[in-house]
């Protein structure tokens, strides 16, 4: 099984969301549905970055690492590097 760390972007909010899942497409669909939580504030989330991991714990550790950055610049640099 493959686990992913992903970054979503909302143009409406001009914000990024970092998460992890084994099913990115299904998870994105749930983010776009009516629910409570951070991603409920917008319905224009789109996937802008992903990394794949074999172990769930590795994906969770990477998600925590990116979230601890608390730096939009570092996140945008990561996204840009991933698109090259």
N, C-alpha and C. Protein backbone atom coordinates (compact mmCIF):
# COMPACT_ATOMS: atom_id res chain seq x y z
N UNK A 1 0.84 -1.18 0.00
CA UNK A 1 0.00 0.00 0.00
C UNK A 1 0.89 1.24 0.00
N UNK A 2 0.42 2.28 -0.68
CA UNK A 2 1.15 3.54 -0.75
C UNK A 2 0.37 4.61 0.01
N UNK A 3 1.09 5.40 0.78
CA UNK A 3 0.51 6.52 1.53
C UNK A 3 1.09 7.81 0.97
N UNK A 4 0.29 8.84 0.98
CA UNK A 4 0.70 10.10 0.39
C UNK A 4 0.64 11.24 1.41
N UNK A 5 1.58 12.15 1.26
CA UNK A 5 1.50 13.46 1.90
C UNK A 5 1.10 14.39 0.76
N UNK A 6 0.12 15.24 1.00
CA UNK A 6 -0.35 16.09 -0.08
C UNK A 6 -0.54 17.52 0.41
N UNK A 7 -0.50 18.43 -0.55
CA UNK A 7 -0.76 19.83 -0.27
C UNK A 7 -1.85 20.30 -1.21
N UNK A 8 -2.89 20.88 -0.62
CA UNK A 8 -3.99 21.47 -1.37
C UNK A 8 -3.87 22.98 -1.32
N UNK A 9 -4.42 23.64 -2.33
CA UNK A 9 -4.41 25.09 -2.34
C UNK A 9 -5.81 25.60 -2.67
N UNK A 10 -6.24 26.62 -1.95
CA UNK A 10 -7.51 27.30 -2.22
C UNK A 10 -7.20 28.72 -2.67
N UNK A 11 -7.59 29.04 -3.89
CA UNK A 11 -7.39 30.40 -4.39
C UNK A 11 -8.30 31.38 -3.64
N UNK A 12 -9.51 30.94 -3.33
CA UNK A 12 -10.46 31.79 -2.61
C UNK A 12 -9.88 32.26 -1.27
N UNK A 13 -9.30 31.32 -0.52
CA UNK A 13 -8.72 31.65 0.79
C UNK A 13 -7.26 32.07 0.70
N UNK A 14 -6.62 31.77 -0.43
CA UNK A 14 -5.18 31.98 -0.60
C UNK A 14 -4.42 31.26 0.52
N UNK A 15 -4.80 30.00 0.74
CA UNK A 15 -4.21 29.19 1.82
C UNK A 15 -3.86 27.81 1.30
N UNK A 16 -2.91 27.18 2.02
CA UNK A 16 -2.52 25.81 1.75
C UNK A 16 -3.04 24.91 2.87
N UNK A 17 -3.28 23.66 2.52
CA UNK A 17 -3.68 22.65 3.50
C UNK A 17 -2.77 21.45 3.29
N UNK A 18 -2.17 20.96 4.36
CA UNK A 18 -1.26 19.81 4.29
C UNK A 18 -1.93 18.63 4.97
N UNK A 19 -1.92 17.49 4.30
CA UNK A 19 -2.54 16.30 4.87
C UNK A 19 -1.85 15.04 4.39
N UNK A 20 -2.37 13.89 4.82
CA UNK A 20 -1.85 12.61 4.36
C UNK A 20 -3.02 11.64 4.23
N UNK A 21 -2.87 10.70 3.30
CA UNK A 21 -3.95 9.75 3.03
C UNK A 21 -3.42 8.64 2.13
N UNK A 22 -4.11 7.51 2.13
CA UNK A 22 -3.76 6.47 1.17
C UNK A 22 -4.57 6.63 -0.12
N UNK A 23 -5.59 7.48 -0.10
CA UNK A 23 -6.46 7.71 -1.26
C UNK A 23 -6.63 9.22 -1.45
N UNK A 24 -5.73 9.82 -2.20
CA UNK A 24 -5.75 11.28 -2.37
C UNK A 24 -7.04 11.74 -3.03
N UNK A 25 -7.47 11.07 -4.09
CA UNK A 25 -8.66 11.53 -4.81
C UNK A 25 -9.90 11.46 -3.91
N UNK A 26 -10.05 10.36 -3.19
CA UNK A 26 -11.18 10.24 -2.27
C UNK A 26 -11.12 11.28 -1.16
N UNK A 27 -9.92 11.52 -0.67
CA UNK A 27 -9.74 12.51 0.40
C UNK A 27 -10.07 13.91 -0.10
N UNK A 28 -9.63 14.25 -1.32
CA UNK A 28 -9.94 15.55 -1.90
C UNK A 28 -11.45 15.72 -2.05
N UNK A 29 -12.13 14.67 -2.50
CA UNK A 29 -13.59 14.74 -2.64
C UNK A 29 -14.25 15.02 -1.28
N UNK A 30 -13.74 14.41 -0.22
CA UNK A 30 -14.29 14.66 1.11
C UNK A 30 -14.00 16.09 1.57
N UNK A 31 -12.83 16.61 1.23
CA UNK A 31 -12.53 18.01 1.57
C UNK A 31 -13.50 18.96 0.89
N UNK A 32 -13.96 18.60 -0.30
CA UNK A 32 -14.83 19.48 -1.07
C UNK A 32 -16.30 19.35 -0.69
N UNK A 33 -16.65 18.33 0.09
CA UNK A 33 -18.04 18.15 0.52
C UNK A 33 -18.33 19.04 1.73
N UNK A 34 -19.60 19.12 2.08
CA UNK A 34 -19.99 19.87 3.27
C UNK A 34 -19.54 19.11 4.51
N UNK A 35 -18.77 19.77 5.34
CA UNK A 35 -18.27 19.18 6.58
C UNK A 35 -17.77 20.32 7.47
N UNK A 36 -17.35 19.96 8.66
CA UNK A 36 -16.75 20.96 9.55
C UNK A 36 -15.24 20.83 9.46
N UNK A 37 -14.56 21.89 9.75
CA UNK A 37 -13.10 21.84 9.72
C UNK A 37 -12.54 22.92 8.82
N UNK A 38 -11.22 22.97 8.77
CA UNK A 38 -10.50 24.02 8.05
C UNK A 38 -10.88 24.08 6.58
N UNK A 39 -10.93 22.92 5.91
CA UNK A 39 -11.18 22.93 4.46
C UNK A 39 -12.63 23.20 4.11
N UNK A 40 -13.53 23.24 5.10
CA UNK A 40 -14.94 23.51 4.83
C UNK A 40 -15.17 24.95 4.42
N UNK A 41 -14.22 25.82 4.69
CA UNK A 41 -14.40 27.25 4.41
C UNK A 41 -14.33 27.59 2.93
N UNK A 42 -13.90 26.64 2.08
CA UNK A 42 -13.81 26.89 0.64
C UNK A 42 -14.12 25.60 -0.11
N UNK A 43 -14.55 25.74 -1.33
CA UNK A 43 -14.86 24.58 -2.17
C UNK A 43 -14.02 24.55 -3.44
N UNK A 44 -12.90 25.28 -3.42
CA UNK A 44 -12.05 25.32 -4.61
C UNK A 44 -10.68 24.69 -4.37
N UNK A 45 -10.58 23.79 -3.40
CA UNK A 45 -9.29 23.15 -3.11
C UNK A 45 -8.83 22.34 -4.31
N UNK A 46 -7.53 22.44 -4.61
CA UNK A 46 -6.96 21.63 -5.68
C UNK A 46 -5.61 21.10 -5.23
N UNK A 47 -5.28 19.92 -5.71
CA UNK A 47 -4.02 19.27 -5.36
C UNK A 47 -2.88 19.97 -6.08
N UNK A 48 -1.88 20.44 -5.31
CA UNK A 48 -0.73 21.12 -5.93
C UNK A 48 0.58 20.38 -5.69
N UNK A 49 0.56 19.37 -4.79
CA UNK A 49 1.80 18.65 -4.48
C UNK A 49 1.47 17.33 -3.79
N UNK A 50 2.31 16.30 -4.06
CA UNK A 50 2.17 15.04 -3.33
C UNK A 50 3.51 14.32 -3.29
N UNK A 51 3.68 13.54 -2.24
CA UNK A 51 4.84 12.65 -2.07
C UNK A 51 4.29 11.29 -1.68
N UNK A 52 4.91 10.22 -2.18
CA UNK A 52 4.46 8.86 -1.89
C UNK A 52 5.40 8.18 -0.90
N UNK A 53 4.83 7.39 0.01
CA UNK A 53 5.59 6.64 1.01
C UNK A 53 5.02 5.23 1.13
N UNK A 54 5.89 4.28 1.38
CA UNK A 54 5.46 2.89 1.56
C UNK A 54 4.86 2.72 2.96
N UNK A 55 5.47 3.36 3.94
CA UNK A 55 5.03 3.22 5.33
C UNK A 55 4.17 4.40 5.76
N UNK A 56 3.04 4.10 6.38
CA UNK A 56 2.14 5.15 6.86
C UNK A 56 2.84 6.06 7.86
N UNK A 57 3.65 5.49 8.75
CA UNK A 57 4.35 6.30 9.75
C UNK A 57 5.30 7.31 9.10
N UNK A 58 5.92 6.93 7.99
CA UNK A 58 6.81 7.85 7.28
C UNK A 58 6.01 9.02 6.69
N UNK A 59 4.84 8.71 6.14
CA UNK A 59 3.99 9.77 5.58
C UNK A 59 3.52 10.72 6.69
N UNK A 60 3.12 10.16 7.83
CA UNK A 60 2.68 11.00 8.95
C UNK A 60 3.82 11.87 9.48
N UNK A 61 5.02 11.30 9.54
CA UNK A 61 6.18 12.07 10.02
C UNK A 61 6.48 13.22 9.07
N UNK A 62 6.39 12.96 7.77
CA UNK A 62 6.65 14.01 6.79
C UNK A 62 5.57 15.09 6.85
N UNK A 63 4.32 14.69 7.02
CA UNK A 63 3.23 15.66 7.17
C UNK A 63 3.50 16.58 8.36
N UNK A 64 3.87 15.99 9.49
CA UNK A 64 4.18 16.80 10.69
C UNK A 64 5.36 17.73 10.43
N UNK A 65 6.38 17.23 9.74
CA UNK A 65 7.55 18.05 9.44
C UNK A 65 7.17 19.29 8.63
N UNK A 66 6.39 19.10 7.59
CA UNK A 66 5.99 20.23 6.74
C UNK A 66 5.13 21.20 7.54
N UNK A 67 4.20 20.68 8.33
CA UNK A 67 3.33 21.55 9.13
C UNK A 67 4.13 22.37 10.14
N UNK A 68 5.19 21.79 10.69
CA UNK A 68 6.01 22.51 11.67
C UNK A 68 6.79 23.66 11.05
N UNK A 69 7.00 23.62 9.75
CA UNK A 69 7.70 24.72 9.09
C UNK A 69 6.99 26.04 9.34
N UNK A 70 5.66 26.03 9.29
CA UNK A 70 4.87 27.27 9.45
C UNK A 70 5.42 28.39 8.56
N UNK A 71 5.84 27.98 7.36
CA UNK A 71 6.45 28.93 6.44
C UNK A 71 5.84 28.77 5.06
N UNK A 72 5.09 29.75 4.64
CA UNK A 72 4.49 29.72 3.30
C UNK A 72 5.58 29.62 2.23
N UNK A 73 6.67 30.35 2.43
CA UNK A 73 7.77 30.35 1.46
C UNK A 73 8.35 28.96 1.30
N UNK A 74 8.60 28.25 2.40
CA UNK A 74 9.16 26.90 2.31
C UNK A 74 8.18 25.95 1.62
N UNK A 75 6.89 26.09 1.91
CA UNK A 75 5.89 25.25 1.28
C UNK A 75 5.84 25.53 -0.22
N UNK A 76 5.87 26.80 -0.61
CA UNK A 76 5.83 27.15 -2.02
C UNK A 76 7.11 26.70 -2.74
N UNK A 77 8.25 26.76 -2.06
CA UNK A 77 9.49 26.24 -2.64
C UNK A 77 9.39 24.74 -2.87
N UNK A 78 8.83 24.01 -1.91
CA UNK A 78 8.64 22.56 -2.03
C UNK A 78 7.74 22.25 -3.22
N UNK A 79 6.64 22.97 -3.36
CA UNK A 79 5.72 22.75 -4.48
C UNK A 79 6.42 23.02 -5.80
N UNK A 80 7.18 24.11 -5.87
CA UNK A 80 7.89 24.45 -7.10
C UNK A 80 8.91 23.38 -7.46
N UNK A 81 9.64 22.86 -6.48
CA UNK A 81 10.63 21.82 -6.73
C UNK A 81 9.95 20.55 -7.25
N UNK A 82 8.77 20.26 -6.73
CA UNK A 82 8.04 19.06 -7.14
C UNK A 82 7.50 19.15 -8.55
N UNK A 83 7.38 20.36 -9.08
CA UNK A 83 6.83 20.54 -10.43
C UNK A 83 7.92 20.55 -11.49
N UNK A 84 9.17 20.47 -11.08
CA UNK A 84 10.29 20.45 -12.04
C UNK A 84 10.54 19.06 -12.54
